[in-house]
Protein backbone atom coordinates (compact mmCIF):
# COMPACT_ATOMS: atom_id res chain seq x y z
CA MET A 1 -0.06 0.17 -0.10
CA ASP A 2 1.52 3.52 -0.81
CA PHE A 3 0.39 6.66 0.81
CA LYS A 4 0.93 9.86 -0.73
CA VAL A 5 0.05 13.47 0.20
CA GLU A 6 0.07 16.21 -2.18
CA SER A 7 -1.02 19.44 -1.00
CA SER A 8 -2.39 22.19 -2.68
CA GLY A 9 -2.89 25.55 -0.83
CA GLN A 10 -5.82 24.20 1.56
CA VAL A 11 -6.60 20.95 -0.34
CA GLY A 12 -4.77 17.70 -0.08
CA VAL A 13 -4.81 14.63 -2.06
CA LEU A 14 -4.27 11.13 -0.17
CA THR A 15 -3.65 8.56 -2.82
CA LEU A 16 -4.35 5.08 -1.76
CA ASP A 17 -2.97 2.43 -3.27
CA GLY A 18 -2.98 -1.56 -2.89
CA ASP A 19 -5.25 -3.53 -0.42
CA LEU A 20 -7.44 -1.39 1.96
CA THR A 21 -8.03 -4.37 4.40
CA ILE A 22 -7.23 -5.20 8.05
CA SER A 23 -3.88 -5.98 7.56
CA ARG A 24 -3.04 -2.63 6.49
CA ALA A 25 -5.64 -0.64 8.86
CA ASP A 26 -2.95 1.01 11.04
CA GLU A 27 -1.05 2.27 7.88
CA LEU A 28 -4.25 3.79 6.77
CA ARG A 29 -5.36 5.21 10.10
CA THR A 30 -1.99 6.93 10.16
CA ALA A 31 -1.97 8.44 7.11
CA LEU A 32 -5.63 9.47 7.54
CA MET A 33 -4.70 11.11 10.73
CA LYS A 34 -1.92 12.89 9.37
CA SER A 35 -3.74 13.97 6.15
CA LEU A 36 -6.52 15.26 8.15
CA ASP A 37 -4.28 17.39 10.13
CA SER A 38 -2.60 19.35 7.28
CA VAL A 39 -5.76 20.19 5.20
CA ASP A 40 -8.84 21.93 4.94
CA HIS A 41 -10.21 19.57 2.50
CA LEU A 42 -8.96 16.16 2.01
CA VAL A 43 -9.41 14.25 -1.46
CA ILE A 44 -9.02 10.56 -1.10
CA ASN A 45 -8.02 9.28 -4.35
CA LEU A 46 -8.67 5.92 -4.76
CA ASP A 47 -7.35 5.29 -8.40
CA GLY A 48 -4.78 2.49 -6.91
CA PHE A 49 -7.01 0.78 -4.60
CA THR A 50 -7.21 -3.21 -5.27
CA GLU A 51 -9.42 -4.55 -2.20
CA LEU A 52 -10.94 -3.20 0.51
CA ASP A 53 -12.95 -4.48 3.89
CA LEU A 54 -15.03 -3.65 6.67
CA SER A 55 -12.02 -2.03 8.57
CA CYS A 56 -11.38 0.50 5.62
CA PHE A 57 -14.88 1.67 5.62
CA GLN A 58 -14.69 2.19 9.62
CA LEU A 59 -11.96 4.09 9.16
CA LEU A 60 -13.00 5.96 6.62
CA CYS A 61 -16.56 6.69 8.34
CA SER A 62 -14.34 8.18 11.40
CA ALA A 63 -12.08 10.26 9.35
CA HIS A 64 -15.33 11.58 7.63
CA ARG A 65 -16.86 12.22 11.42
CA THR A 66 -13.44 13.74 12.61
CA ILE A 67 -13.04 16.21 9.81
CA ALA A 68 -16.69 17.07 9.77
CA ARG A 69 -16.37 18.24 13.50
CA GLN A 70 -13.28 20.27 12.36
CA ASN A 71 -15.39 22.34 9.69
CA LYS A 72 -13.47 20.74 7.13
CA ARG A 73 -14.31 18.40 4.00
CA LEU A 74 -13.35 14.98 2.87
CA THR A 75 -14.22 13.75 -0.39
CA LEU A 76 -13.61 10.52 -2.73
CA ALA A 77 -12.23 10.82 -6.00
CA GLY A 78 -10.66 8.60 -8.99
CA GLU A 79 -11.20 6.29 -11.73
CA HIS A 80 -11.97 3.41 -9.30
CA LEU A 81 -14.67 5.38 -7.54
CA ASP A 82 -17.36 3.26 -9.23
CA ASP A 83 -15.70 -0.03 -7.98
CA PHE A 84 -15.56 1.41 -4.64
CA ARG A 85 -19.10 2.54 -4.82
CA ARG A 86 -20.38 -0.99 -5.88
CA ILE A 87 -18.43 -3.03 -3.05
CA VAL A 88 -19.69 -0.30 -0.58
CA ARG A 89 -23.53 -0.86 -2.19
CA ALA A 90 -22.83 -4.92 -1.83
CA ALA A 91 -21.63 -4.61 2.01
CA GLY A 92 -24.99 -2.68 2.83
CA PHE A 93 -23.22 0.63 3.59
CA MET A 94 -25.00 3.00 1.26
CA ARG A 95 -27.62 5.10 2.93
CA SER A 96 -30.08 7.84 1.98
CA THR A 97 -29.23 10.68 4.55
CA GLY A 98 -25.72 11.19 6.14
CA CYS A 99 -25.20 10.85 10.19
CA ILE A 100 -25.59 13.68 12.48
CA MET A 101 -22.11 14.83 11.73
CA ASP A 102 -22.83 15.36 8.27
CA MET A 103 -23.65 19.08 8.39
CA ASN A 104 -22.12 19.46 4.51
CA LYS A 105 -24.17 16.89 3.26
CA ASP A 106 -20.98 15.00 1.76
CA CYS A 107 -21.62 11.65 3.66
CA LEU A 108 -19.55 8.98 1.74
CA TRP A 109 -22.30 6.67 1.88
CA ILE A 110 -24.91 8.43 0.37
CA GLY A 111 -25.41 6.98 -3.05
CA GLY A 112 -23.16 8.24 -5.49
CA LYS A 113 -20.96 10.58 -3.56
């Protein structure tokens, strides 16, 4: 798994490559925490992910809640975003509304976001 953070002003891009599974959860958690601290808007680029599991869903959800509390933004991007959404939908994570922390209405699990 290769994590890279590219900052452009207040926007940073965290590129996730490889397996996003329990065996790499600590690395993902560390990369998310470091990234969230350094930018106002974090874009997670999913171009290089090959697999993901529940631990990744939980970490991304926690990151979104954390960044929302700080009045910052977190969004997903990349050419494999549709693959990511299919996996999220199959796992039962898609929702019609965000959680109480979703003040910007940018919940990662709302259909297509």
